[in-house]
């Protein structure tokens, strides 16, 4: 069931922290003053370091099972191009629409237009 189709977990064991890191570093670049670098840098660092901390804790708690899982992940085929299915296409379309909605509403929600 889930093992054959891992979804976003096939890209990262910590998708929420990955998203937080991408968001933080994407916002640090255009807002390059010291306050924003500190704010988004702390969020981004938390995301990167948090992944390592969680992995170390799980490795300590799981012991040899962790190493078996790690070996299975390394032996898994590379993702390459994602398999195209109706479900995957629908997810990409919904994600694109939500991203467009966020870009469109950004000026009203946050007071800054990211496009201009």
PDB file of N, CA and C in Angstrom:
ATOM      1  N   UNK A   1       0.834  -1.196   0.000  1.00  0.00           N
ATOM      2  CA  UNK A   1       0.000   0.000   0.000  1.00  0.00           C
ATOM      3  C   UNK A   1       0.869   1.246   0.000  1.00  0.00           C
ATOM      4  N   UNK A   2       1.290   1.730   1.178  1.00  0.00           N
ATOM      5  CA  UNK A   2       2.046   2.964   1.260  1.00  0.00           C
ATOM      6  C   UNK A   2       3.502   2.829   0.865  1.00  0.00           C
ATOM      7  N   UNK A   3       4.071   1.624   1.031  1.00  0.00           N
ATOM      8  CA  UNK A   3       5.489   1.452   0.727  1.00  0.00           C
ATOM      9  C   UNK A   3       5.774   1.568  -0.758  1.00  0.00           C
ATOM     10  N   UNK A   4       4.873   1.108  -1.597  1.00  0.00           N
ATOM     11  CA  UNK A   4       5.075   1.183  -3.036  1.00  0.00           C
ATOM     12  C   UNK A   4       4.876   2.583  -3.583  1.00  0.00           C
ATOM     13  N   UNK A   5       4.127   3.415  -2.862  1.00  0.00           N
ATOM     14  CA  UNK A   5       3.838   4.784  -3.298  1.00  0.00           C
ATOM     15  C   UNK A   5       4.075   5.728  -2.123  1.00  0.00           C
ATOM     16  N   UNK A   6       5.313   6.054  -1.814  1.00  0.00           N
ATOM     17  CA  UNK A   6       5.611   6.808  -0.598  1.00  0.00           C
ATOM     18  C   UNK A   6       5.215   8.281  -0.634  1.00  0.00           C
ATOM     19  N   UNK A   7       4.931   8.833  -1.812  1.00  0.00           N
ATOM     20  CA  UNK A   7       4.570  10.249  -1.885  1.00  0.00           C
ATOM     21  C   UNK A   7       5.745  11.146  -1.535  1.00  0.00           C
ATOM     22  N   UNK A   8       5.468  12.206  -0.807  1.00  0.00           N
ATOM     23  CA  UNK A   8       6.495  13.186  -0.493  1.00  0.00           C
ATOM     24  C   UNK A   8       7.557  12.603   0.438  1.00  0.00           C
ATOM     25  N   UNK A   9       7.210  11.577   1.206  1.00  0.00           N
ATOM     26  CA  UNK A   9       8.185  10.958   2.092  1.00  0.00           C
ATOM     27  C   UNK A   9       9.262  10.232   1.286  1.00  0.00           C
ATOM     28  N   UNK A  10       8.987   9.942   0.019  1.00  0.00           N
ATOM     29  CA  UNK A  10      10.004   9.382  -0.858  1.00  0.00           C
ATOM     30  C   UNK A  10      11.086  10.396  -1.197  1.00  0.00           C
ATOM     31  N   UNK A  11      10.773  11.679  -1.039  1.00  0.00           N
ATOM     32  CA  UNK A  11      11.765  12.728  -1.279  1.00  0.00           C
ATOM     33  C   UNK A  11      12.504  13.118  -0.009  1.00  0.00           C
ATOM     34  N   UNK A  12      11.793  13.120   1.111  1.00  0.00           N
ATOM     35  CA  UNK A  12      12.380  13.544   2.371  1.00  0.00           C
ATOM     36  C   UNK A  12      11.678  12.843   3.517  1.00  0.00           C
ATOM     37  N   UNK A  13      12.441  12.411   4.516  1.00  0.00           N
ATOM     38  CA  UNK A  13      11.823  11.810   5.696  1.00  0.00           C
ATOM     39  C   UNK A  13      11.119  12.869   6.537  1.00  0.00           C
ATOM     40  N   UNK A  14      11.454  14.129   6.317  1.00  0.00           N
ATOM     41  CA  UNK A  14      10.917  15.226   7.123  1.00  0.00           C
ATOM     42  C   UNK A  14      10.351  16.312   6.199  1.00  0.00           C
ATOM     43  N   UNK A  15       9.237  16.036   5.537  1.00  0.00           N
ATOM     44  CA  UNK A  15       8.729  16.980   4.543  1.00  0.00           C
ATOM     45  C   UNK A  15       8.340  18.340   5.112  1.00  0.00           C
ATOM     46  N   UNK A  16       7.842  18.387   6.336  1.00  0.00           N
ATOM     47  CA  UNK A  16       7.464  19.670   6.920  1.00  0.00           C
ATOM     48  C   UNK A  16       8.694  20.534   7.182  1.00  0.00           C
ATOM     49  N   UNK A  17       9.747  19.929   7.702  1.00  0.00           N
ATOM     50  CA  UNK A  17      10.979  20.685   7.931  1.00  0.00           C
ATOM     51  C   UNK A  17      11.621  21.090   6.607  1.00  0.00           C
ATOM     52  N   UNK A  18      11.519  20.242   5.596  1.00  0.00           N
ATOM     53  CA  UNK A  18      12.020  20.601   4.267  1.00  0.00           C
ATOM     54  C   UNK A  18      11.274  21.817   3.738  1.00  0.00           C
ATOM     55  N   UNK A  19       9.948  21.814   3.879  1.00  0.00           N
ATOM     56  CA  UNK A  19       9.141  22.948   3.416  1.00  0.00           C
ATOM     57  C   UNK A  19       9.498  24.220   4.192  1.00  0.00           C
ATOM     58  N   UNK A  20       9.690  24.107   5.498  1.00  0.00           N
ATOM     59  CA  UNK A  20      10.071  25.264   6.306  1.00  0.00           C
ATOM     60  C   UNK A  20      11.422  25.817   5.856  1.00  0.00           C
ATOM     61  N   UNK A  21      12.380  24.939   5.588  1.00  0.00           N
ATOM     62  CA  UNK A  21      13.687  25.383   5.133  1.00  0.00           C
ATOM     63  C   UNK A  21      13.632  26.060   3.775  1.00  0.00           C
ATOM     64  N   UNK A  22      12.882  25.478   2.847  1.00  0.00           N
ATOM     65  CA  UNK A  22      12.735  26.096   1.523  1.00  0.00           C
ATOM     66  C   UNK A  22      12.067  27.459   1.634  1.00  0.00           C
ATOM     67  N   UNK A  23      11.018  27.552   2.441  1.00  0.00           N
ATOM     68  CA  UNK A  23      10.315  28.816   2.644  1.00  0.00           C
ATOM     69  C   UNK A  23      11.258  29.863   3.246  1.00  0.00           C
ATOM     70  N   UNK A  24      12.003  29.468   4.263  1.00  0.00           N
ATOM     71  CA  UNK A  24      12.888  30.418   4.952  1.00  0.00           C
ATOM     72  C   UNK A  24      13.982  30.930   4.019  1.00  0.00           C
ATOM     73  N   UNK A  25      14.647  30.033   3.318  1.00  0.00           N
ATOM     74  CA  UNK A  25      15.740  30.477   2.455  1.00  0.00           C
ATOM     75  C   UNK A  25      15.221  31.234   1.232  1.00  0.00           C
ATOM     76  N   UNK A  26      14.020  30.880   0.752  1.00  0.00           N
ATOM     77  CA  UNK A  26      13.432  31.623  -0.367  1.00  0.00           C
ATOM     78  C   UNK A  26      13.051  33.039   0.048  1.00  0.00           C
ATOM     79  N   UNK A  27      12.707  33.237   1.299  1.00  0.00           N
ATOM     80  CA  UNK A  27      12.345  34.573   1.776  1.00  0.00           C
ATOM     81  C   UNK A  27      13.564  35.366   2.243  1.00  0.00           C
ATOM     82  N   UNK A  28      14.652  34.684   2.555  1.00  0.00           N
ATOM     83  CA  UNK A  28      15.856  35.384   3.010  1.00  0.00           C
ATOM     84  C   UNK A  28      16.534  36.097   1.844  1.00  0.00           C
ATOM     85  N   UNK A  29      16.480  35.525   0.661  1.00  0.00           N
ATOM     86  CA  UNK A  29      17.172  36.101  -0.493  1.00  0.00           C
ATOM     87  C   UNK A  29      16.601  37.469  -0.887  1.00  0.00           C
ATOM     88  N   UNK A  30      15.298  37.611  -1.116  1.00  0.00           N
ATOM     89  CA  UNK A  30      14.809  38.934  -1.530  1.00  0.00           C
ATOM     90  C   UNK A  30      14.737  39.948  -0.386  1.00  0.00           C
ATOM     91  N   UNK A  31      14.706  39.489   0.860  1.00  0.00           N
ATOM     92  CA  UNK A  31      14.647  40.382   2.014  1.00  0.00           C
ATOM     93  C   UNK A  31      16.007  40.368   2.703  1.00  0.00           C
ATOM     94  N   UNK A  32      17.001  40.917   2.066  1.00  0.00           N
ATOM     95  CA  UNK A  32      18.382  40.728   2.493  1.00  0.00           C
ATOM     96  C   UNK A  32      18.871  41.590   3.633  1.00  0.00           C
ATOM     97  N   UNK A  33      18.013  42.372   4.295  1.00  0.00           N
ATOM     98  CA  UNK A  33      18.517  43.175   5.402  1.00  0.00           C
ATOM     99  C   UNK A  33      18.756  42.275   6.625  1.00  0.00           C
ATOM    100  N   UNK A  34      19.467  42.815   7.596  1.00  0.00           N
ATOM    101  CA  UNK A  34      19.917  42.018   8.737  1.00  0.00           C
ATOM    102  C   UNK A  34      18.762  41.380   9.504  1.00  0.00           C
ATOM    103  N   UNK A  35      17.694  42.126   9.726  1.00  0.00           N
ATOM    104  CA  UNK A  35      16.566  41.587  10.494  1.00  0.00           C
ATOM    105  C   UNK A  35      15.959  40.369   9.806  1.00  0.00           C
ATOM    106  N   UNK A  36      15.793  40.454   8.489  1.00  0.00           N
ATOM    107  CA  UNK A  36      15.200  39.331   7.765  1.00  0.00           C
ATOM    108  C   UNK A  36      16.177  38.160   7.652  1.00  0.00           C
ATOM    109  N   UNK A  37      17.440  38.459   7.494  1.00  0.00           N
ATOM    110  CA  UNK A  37      18.436  37.380   7.443  1.00  0.00           C
ATOM    111  C   UNK A  37      18.444  36.633   8.777  1.00  0.00           C
ATOM    112  N   UNK A  38      18.366  37.363   9.873  1.00  0.00           N
ATOM    113  CA  UNK A  38      18.328  36.704  11.183  1.00  0.00           C
ATOM    114  C   UNK A  38      17.044  35.885  11.342  1.00  0.00           C
ATOM    115  N   UNK A  39      15.902  36.485  11.028  1.00  0.00           N
ATOM    116  CA  UNK A  39      14.627  35.795  11.194  1.00  0.00           C
ATOM    117  C   UNK A  39      14.556  34.540  10.341  1.00  0.00           C
ATOM    118  N   UNK A  40      14.742  34.694   9.035  1.00  0.00           N
ATOM    119  CA  UNK A  40      14.612  33.553   8.141  1.00  0.00           C
ATOM    120  C   UNK A  40      15.796  32.596   8.278  1.00  0.00           C
ATOM    121  N   UNK A  41      16.963  33.120   8.639  1.00  0.00           N
ATOM    122  CA  UNK A  41      18.123  32.261   8.867  1.00  0.00           C
ATOM    123  C   UNK A  41      17.915  31.337  10.055  1.00  0.00           C
ATOM    124  N   UNK A  42      17.281  31.851  11.102  1.00  0.00           N
ATOM    125  CA  UNK A  42      16.990  31.008  12.266  1.00  0.00           C
ATOM    126  C   UNK A  42      15.984  29.931  11.896  1.00  0.00           C
ATOM    127  N   UNK A  43      14.928  30.307  11.170  1.00  0.00           N
ATOM    128  CA  UNK A  43      13.950  29.305  10.733  1.00  0.00           C
ATOM    129  C   UNK A  43      14.612  28.248   9.841  1.00  0.00           C
ATOM    130  N   UNK A  44      15.420  28.686   8.884  1.00  0.00           N
ATOM    131  CA  UNK A  44      16.082  27.750   7.984  1.00  0.00           C
ATOM    132  C   UNK A  44      17.058  26.843   8.714  1.00  0.00           C
ATOM    133  N   UNK A  45      17.820  27.413   9.628  1.00  0.00           N
ATOM    134  CA  UNK A  45      18.765  26.609  10.413  1.00  0.00           C
ATOM    135  C   UNK A  45      18.030  25.589  11.275  1.00  0.00           C
ATOM    136  N   UNK A  46      16.917  26.026  11.870  1.00  0.00           N
ATOM    137  CA  UNK A  46      16.102  25.106  12.659  1.00  0.00           C
ATOM    138  C   UNK A  46      15.646  23.926  11.804  1.00  0.00           C
ATOM    139  N   UNK A  47      15.227  24.211  10.589  1.00  0.00           N
ATOM    140  CA  UNK A  47      14.739  23.156   9.698  1.00  0.00           C
ATOM    141  C   UNK A  47      15.854  22.175   9.346  1.00  0.00           C
ATOM    142  N   UNK A  48      17.024  22.698   9.006  1.00  0.00           N
ATOM    143  CA  UNK A  48      18.140  21.828   8.613  1.00  0.00           C
ATOM    144  C   UNK A  48      18.658  21.025   9.801  1.00  0.00           C
ATOM    145  N   UNK A  49      18.892  21.713  10.910  1.00  0.00           N
ATOM    146  CA  UNK A  49      19.411  21.022  12.091  1.00  0.00           C
ATOM    147  C   UNK A  49      18.369  20.095  12.702  1.00  0.00           C
ATOM    148  N   UNK A  50      17.098  20.472  12.627  1.00  0.00           N
ATOM    149  CA  UNK A  50      16.043  19.629  13.172  1.00  0.00           C
ATOM    150  C   UNK A  50      15.992  18.268  12.509  1.00  0.00           C
ATOM    151  N   UNK A  51      16.213  18.239  11.210  1.00  0.00           N
ATOM    152  CA  UNK A  51      16.218  16.961  10.494  1.00  0.00           C
ATOM    153  C   UNK A  51      17.330  16.061  11.019  1.00  0.00           C
ATOM    154  N   UNK A  52      18.489  16.635  11.230  1.00  0.00           N
ATOM    155  CA  UNK A  52      19.624  15.843  11.736  1.00  0.00           C
ATOM    156  C   UNK A  52      19.372  15.366  13.165  1.00  0.00           C
ATOM    157  N   UNK A  53      18.796  16.235  13.978  1.00  0.00           N
ATOM    158  CA  UNK A  53      18.524  15.866  15.368  1.00  0.00           C
ATOM    159  C   UNK A  53      17.509  14.730  15.431  1.00  0.00           C
ATOM    160  N   UNK A  54      16.453  14.826  14.639  1.00  0.00           N
ATOM    161  CA  UNK A  54      15.436  13.762  14.618  1.00  0.00           C
ATOM    162  C   UNK A  54      16.058  12.456  14.142  1.00  0.00           C
ATOM    163  N   UNK A  55      16.874  12.514  13.085  1.00  0.00           N
ATOM    164  CA  UNK A  55      17.511  11.300  12.576  1.00  0.00           C
ATOM    165  C   UNK A  55      18.418  10.658  13.622  1.00  0.00           C
ATOM    166  N   UNK A  56      19.196  11.470  14.317  1.00  0.00           N
ATOM    167  CA  UNK A  56      20.084  10.920  15.346  1.00  0.00           C
ATOM    168  C   UNK A  56      19.293  10.271  16.475  1.00  0.00           C
ATOM    169  N   UNK A  57      18.208  10.926  16.902  1.00  0.00           N
ATOM    170  CA  UNK A  57      17.393  10.373  17.975  1.00  0.00           C
ATOM    171  C   UNK A  57      16.758   9.056  17.540  1.00  0.00           C
ATOM    172  N   UNK A  58      16.194   9.020  16.333  1.00  0.00           N
ATOM    173  CA  UNK A  58      15.576   7.789  15.838  1.00  0.00           C
ATOM    174  C   UNK A  58      16.608   6.676  15.687  1.00  0.00           C
ATOM    175  N   UNK A  59      17.812   7.028  15.249  1.00  0.00           N
ATOM    176  CA  UNK A  59      18.865   6.027  15.106  1.00  0.00           C
ATOM    177  C   UNK A  59      19.230   5.447  16.471  1.00  0.00           C
ATOM    178  N   UNK A  60      19.308   6.304  17.474  1.00  0.00           N
ATOM    179  CA  UNK A  60      19.640   5.850  18.825  1.00  0.00           C
ATOM    180  C   UNK A  60      18.524   4.960  19.385  1.00  0.00           C
ATOM    181  N   UNK A  61      17.257   5.332  19.140  1.00  0.00           N
ATOM    182  CA  UNK A  61      16.137   4.567  19.682  1.00  0.00           C
ATOM    183  C   UNK A  61      15.903   3.258  18.939  1.00  0.00           C
ATOM    184  N   UNK A  62      16.119   3.261  17.616  1.00  0.00           N
ATOM    185  CA  UNK A  62      15.793   2.087  16.807  1.00  0.00           C
ATOM    186  C   UNK A  62      16.957   1.117  16.653  1.00  0.00           C
ATOM    187  N   UNK A  63      18.162   1.580  16.854  1.00  0.00           N
ATOM    188  CA  UNK A  63      19.330   0.708  16.774  1.00  0.00           C
ATOM    189  C   UNK A  63      19.522   0.085  15.401  1.00  0.00           C
ATOM    190  N   UNK A  64      19.604  -1.254  15.368  1.00  0.00           N
ATOM    191  CA  UNK A  64      19.916  -1.942  14.109  1.00  0.00           C
ATOM    192  C   UNK A  64      18.787  -1.817  13.089  1.00  0.00           C
ATOM    193  N   UNK A  65      17.550  -1.629  13.535  1.00  0.00           N
ATOM    194  CA  UNK A  65      16.432  -1.470  12.599  1.00  0.00           C
ATOM    195  C   UNK A  65      16.646  -0.216  11.756  1.00  0.00           C
ATOM    196  N   UNK A  66      17.187   0.835  12.373  1.00  0.00           N
ATOM    197  CA  UNK A  66      17.470   2.075  11.648  1.00  0.00           C
ATOM    198  C   UNK A  66      18.423   1.803  10.491  1.00  0.00           C
ATOM    199  N   UNK A  67      19.469   1.041  10.751  1.00  0.00           N
ATOM    200  CA  UNK A  67      20.460   0.749   9.709  1.00  0.00           C
ATOM    201  C   UNK A  67      19.849  -0.095   8.592  1.00  0.00           C
ATOM    202  N   UNK A  68      18.963  -1.016   8.926  1.00  0.00           N
ATOM    203  CA  UNK A  68      18.283  -1.812   7.902  1.00  0.00           C
ATOM    204  C   UNK A  68      17.424  -0.903   7.024  1.00  0.00           C
ATOM    205  N   UNK A  69      16.679   0.005   7.644  1.00  0.00           N
ATOM    206  CA  UNK A  69      15.854   0.932   6.874  1.00  0.00           C
ATOM    207  C   UNK A  69      16.712   1.844   6.011  1.00  0.00           C
ATOM    208  N   UNK A  70      17.825   2.298   6.558  1.00  0.00           N
ATOM    209  CA  UNK A  70      18.741   3.160   5.815  1.00  0.00           C
ATOM    210  C   UNK A  70      19.268   2.439   4.579  1.00  0.00           C
ATOM    211  N   UNK A  71      19.622   1.171   4.724  1.00  0.00           N
ATOM    212  CA  UNK A  71      20.109   0.386   3.586  1.00  0.00           C
ATOM    213  C   UNK A  71      19.016   0.198   2.539  1.00  0.00           C
ATOM    214  N   UNK A  72      17.774  -0.014   2.973  1.00  0.00           N
ATOM    215  CA  UNK A  72      16.668  -0.162   2.024  1.00  0.00           C
ATOM    216  C   UNK A  72      16.452   1.120   1.235  1.00  0.00           C
ATOM    217  N   UNK A  73      16.550   2.238   1.906  1.00  0.00           N
ATOM    218  CA  UNK A  73      16.377   3.526   1.226  1.00  0.00           C
ATOM    219  C   UNK A  73      17.483   3.730   0.201  1.00  0.00           C
ATOM    220  N   UNK A  74      18.707   3.401   0.550  1.00  0.00           N
ATOM    221  CA  UNK A  74      19.829   3.590  -0.377  1.00  0.00           C
ATOM    222  C   UNK A  74      19.738   2.642  -1.569  1.00  0.00           C
ATOM    223  N   UNK A  75      19.146   1.465  -1.379  1.00  0.00           N
ATOM    224  CA  UNK A  75      19.004   0.508  -2.487  1.00  0.00           C
ATOM    225  C   UNK A  75      17.809   0.824  -3.376  1.00  0.00           C
ATOM    226  N   UNK A  76      16.903   1.671  -2.900  1.00  0.00           N
ATOM    227  CA  UNK A  76      15.706   1.989  -3.674  1.00  0.00           C
ATOM    228  C   UNK A  76      16.103   2.713  -4.952  1.00  0.00           C
ATOM    229  N   UNK A  77      15.352   2.514  -6.016  1.00  0.00           N
ATOM    230  CA  UNK A  77      15.684   3.208  -7.264  1.00  0.00           C
ATOM    231  C   UNK A  77      15.506   4.719  -7.116  1.00  0.00           C
ATOM    232  N   UNK A  78      16.309   5.443  -7.866  1.00  0.00           N
ATOM    233  CA  UNK A  78      16.184   6.901  -7.844  1.00  0.00           C
ATOM    234  C   UNK A  78      14.827   7.294  -8.380  1.00  0.00           C
ATOM    235  N   UNK A  79      14.339   8.427  -7.908  1.00  0.00           N
ATOM    236  CA  UNK A  79      13.013   8.858  -8.326  1.00  0.00           C
ATOM    237  C   UNK A  79      12.978   9.225  -9.800  1.00  0.00           C
ATOM    238  N   UNK A  80      14.022   9.895 -10.274  1.00  0.00           N
ATOM    239  CA  UNK A  80      14.022  10.321 -11.666  1.00  0.00           C
ATOM    240  C   UNK A  80      12.770  11.106 -11.976  1.00  0.00           C
ATOM    241  N   UNK A  81      12.160  10.838 -13.100  1.00  0.00           N
ATOM    242  CA  UNK A  81      10.894  11.474 -13.423  1.00  0.00           C
ATOM    243  C   UNK A  81       9.777  10.748 -12.687  1.00  0.00           C
ATOM    244  N   UNK A  82       8.889  11.503 -12.070  1.00  0.00           N
ATOM    245  CA  UNK A  82       7.818  10.833 -11.342  1.00  0.00           C
ATOM    246  C   UNK A  82       6.899  10.066 -12.283  1.00  0.00           C
ATOM    247  N   UNK A  83       6.360   8.984 -11.786  1.00  0.00           N
ATOM    248  CA  UNK A  83       5.415   8.218 -12.583  1.00  0.00           C
ATOM    249  C   UNK A  83       4.177   9.070 -12.823  1.00  0.00           C
ATOM    250  N   UNK A  84       3.732   9.098 -14.037  1.00  0.00           N
ATOM    251  CA  UNK A  84       2.574   9.911 -14.376  1.00  0.00           C
ATOM    252  C   UNK A  84       1.326   9.052 -14.220  1.00  0.00           C
ATOM    253  N   UNK A  85       0.462   9.488 -13.368  1.00  0.00           N
ATOM    254  CA  UNK A  85      -0.825   8.842 -13.185  1.00  0.00           C
ATOM    255  C   UNK A  85      -1.857   9.939 -12.989  1.00  0.00           C
ATOM    256  N   UNK A  86      -3.096   9.565 -12.988  1.00  0.00           N
ATOM    257  CA  UNK A  86      -4.148  10.562 -12.772  1.00  0.00           C
ATOM    258  C   UNK A  86      -4.004  11.212 -11.408  1.00  0.00           C
ATOM    259  N   UNK A  87      -3.690  10.387 -10.420  1.00  0.00           N
ATOM    260  CA  UNK A  87      -3.543  10.903  -9.056  1.00  0.00           C
ATOM    261  C   UNK A  87      -2.375  11.889  -8.966  1.00  0.00           C
ATOM    262  N   UNK A  88      -1.249  11.538  -9.572  1.00  0.00           N
ATOM    263  CA  UNK A  88      -0.090  12.428  -9.546  1.00  0.00           C
ATOM    264  C   UNK A  88      -0.378  13.718 -10.296  1.00  0.00           C
ATOM    265  N   UNK A  89      -0.992  13.610 -11.458  1.00  0.00           N
ATOM    266  CA  UNK A  89      -1.327  14.799 -12.239  1.00  0.00           C
ATOM    267  C   UNK A  89      -2.292  15.690 -11.473  1.00  0.00           C
ATOM    268  N   UNK A  90      -3.274  15.087 -10.820  1.00  0.00           N
ATOM    269  CA  UNK A  90      -4.234  15.874 -10.034  1.00  0.00           C
ATOM    270  C   UNK A  90      -3.538  16.598  -8.892  1.00  0.00           C
ATOM    271  N   UNK A  91      -2.609  15.919  -8.242  1.00  0.00           N
ATOM    272  CA  UNK A  91      -1.867  16.558  -7.138  1.00  0.00           C
ATOM    273  C   UNK A  91      -1.032  17.739  -7.630  1.00  0.00           C
ATOM    274  N   UNK A  92      -0.373  17.564  -8.781  1.00  0.00           N
ATOM    275  CA  UNK A  92       0.434  18.660  -9.331  1.00  0.00           C
ATOM    276  C   UNK A  92      -0.448  19.839  -9.737  1.00  0.00           C
ATOM    277  N   UNK A  93      -1.611  19.556 -10.302  1.00  0.00           N
ATOM    278  CA  UNK A  93      -2.525  20.632 -10.708  1.00  0.00           C
ATOM    279  C   UNK A  93      -3.045  21.373  -9.482  1.00  0.00           C
ATOM    280  N   UNK A  94      -3.441  20.633  -8.459  1.00  0.00           N
ATOM    281  CA  UNK A  94      -3.923  21.271  -7.225  1.00  0.00           C
ATOM    282  C   UNK A  94      -2.810  22.089  -6.581  1.00  0.00           C
ATOM    283  N   UNK A  95      -1.597  21.542  -6.547  1.00  0.00           N
ATOM    284  CA  UNK A  95      -0.469  22.277  -5.959  1.00  0.00           C
ATOM    285  C   UNK A  95      -0.194  23.553  -6.741  1.00  0.00           C
ATOM    286  N   UNK A  96      -0.244  23.478  -8.065  1.00  0.00           N
ATOM    287  CA  UNK A  96      -0.028  24.671  -8.883  1.00  0.00           C
ATOM    288  C   UNK A  96      -1.094  25.723  -8.666  1.00  0.00           C
ATOM    289  N   UNK A  97      -2.351  25.274  -8.563  1.00  0.00           N
ATOM    290  CA  UNK A  97      -3.442  26.216  -8.307  1.00  0.00           C
ATOM    291  C   UNK A  97      -3.308  26.869  -6.929  1.00  0.00           C
ATOM    292  N   UNK A  98      -2.950  26.095  -5.928  1.00  0.00           N
ATOM    293  CA  UNK A  98      -2.755  26.657  -4.590  1.00  0.00           C
ATOM    294  C   UNK A  98      -1.580  27.635  -4.559  1.00  0.00           C
ATOM    295  N   UNK A  99      -0.510  27.305  -5.276  1.00  0.00           N
ATOM    296  CA  UNK A  99       0.638  28.207  -5.349  1.00  0.00           C
ATOM    297  C   UNK A  99       0.241  29.515  -6.038  1.00  0.00           C
ATOM    298  N   UNK A 100      -0.507  29.411  -7.137  1.00  0.00           N
ATOM    299  CA  UNK A 100      -0.989  30.609  -7.826  1.00  0.00           C
ATOM    300  C   UNK A 100      -1.897  31.442  -6.937  1.00  0.00           C
ATOM    301  N   UNK A 101      -2.770  30.787  -6.185  1.00  0.00           N
ATOM    302  CA  UNK A 101      -3.646  31.499  -5.251  1.00  0.00           C
ATOM    303  C   UNK A 101      -2.837  32.218  -4.184  1.00  0.00           C
ATOM    304  N   UNK A 102      -1.808  31.568  -3.689  1.00  0.00           N
ATOM    305  CA  UNK A 102      -0.952  32.204  -2.682  1.00  0.00           C
ATOM    306  C   UNK A 102      -0.225  33.409  -3.265  1.00  0.00           C
ATOM    307  N   UNK A 103       0.311  33.273  -4.475  1.00  0.00           N
ATOM    308  CA  UNK A 103       0.976  34.419  -5.108  1.00  0.00           C
ATOM    309  C   UNK A 103       0.001  35.565  -5.343  1.00  0.00           C
ATOM    310  N   UNK A 104      -1.202  35.234  -5.809  1.00  0.00           N
ATOM    311  CA  UNK A 104      -2.209  36.253  -6.089  1.00  0.00           C
ATOM    312  C   UNK A 104      -2.652  36.963  -4.807  1.00  0.00           C
ATOM    313  N   UNK A 105      -2.821  36.207  -3.711  1.00  0.00           N
ATOM    314  CA  UNK A 105      -3.321  36.794  -2.470  1.00  0.00           C
ATOM    315  C   UNK A 105      -2.222  37.363  -1.575  1.00  0.00           C
ATOM    316  N   UNK A 106      -0.977  37.130  -1.914  1.00  0.00           N
ATOM    317  CA  UNK A 106       0.151  37.591  -1.098  1.00  0.00           C
ATOM    318  C   UNK A 106       0.086  39.091  -0.789  1.00  0.00           C
ATOM    319  N   UNK A 107      -0.196  39.972  -1.762  1.00  0.00           N
ATOM    320  CA  UNK A 107      -0.255  41.403  -1.435  1.00  0.00           C
ATOM    321  C   UNK A 107      -1.326  41.741  -0.399  1.00  0.00           C
ATOM    322  N   UNK A 108      -2.447  41.070  -0.461  1.00  0.00           N
ATOM    323  CA  UNK A 108      -3.529  41.373   0.497  1.00  0.00           C
ATOM    324  C   UNK A 108      -3.279  40.722   1.860  1.00  0.00           C
ATOM    325  N   UNK A 109      -2.659  39.550   1.847  1.00  0.00           N
ATOM    326  CA  UNK A 109      -2.403  38.861   3.106  1.00  0.00           C
ATOM    327  C   UNK A 109      -1.210  39.437   3.859  1.00  0.00           C
ATOM    328  N   UNK A 110      -0.149  39.785   3.109  1.00  0.00           N
ATOM    329  CA  UNK A 110       1.121  40.143   3.745  1.00  0.00           C
ATOM    330  C   UNK A 110       1.607  41.544   3.385  1.00  0.00           C
ATOM    331  N   UNK A 111       0.907  42.237   2.482  1.00  0.00           N
ATOM    332  CA  UNK A 111       1.265  43.603   2.147  1.00  0.00           C
ATOM    333  C   UNK A 111       2.403  43.782   1.168  1.00  0.00           C
ATOM    334  N   UNK A 112       2.907  42.689   0.601  1.00  0.00           N
ATOM    335  CA  UNK A 112       4.027  42.763  -0.342  1.00  0.00           C
ATOM    336  C   UNK A 112       3.697  41.891  -1.546  1.00  0.00           C
ATOM    337  N   UNK A 113       3.921  42.442  -2.745  1.00  0.00           N
ATOM    338  CA  UNK A 113       3.698  41.681  -3.959  1.00  0.00           C
ATOM    339  C   UNK A 113       4.983  40.982  -4.345  1.00  0.00           C
ATOM    340  N   UNK A 114       5.034  39.635  -4.287  1.00  0.00           N
ATOM    341  CA  UNK A 114       6.280  38.935  -4.602  1.00  0.00           C
ATOM    342  C   UNK A 114       6.621  38.931  -6.089  1.00  0.00           C
ATOM    343  N   UNK A 115       5.660  39.275  -6.942  1.00  0.00           N
ATOM    344  CA  UNK A 115       5.893  39.245  -8.381  1.00  0.00           C
ATOM    345  C   UNK A 115       6.646  40.491  -8.840  1.00  0.00           C
ATOM    346  N   UNK A 116       6.316  41.638  -8.265  1.00  0.00           N
ATOM    347  CA  UNK A 116       6.966  42.895  -8.705  1.00  0.00           C
ATOM    348  C   UNK A 116       8.078  43.301  -7.802  1.00  0.00           C
TER     349      UNK A 116
END
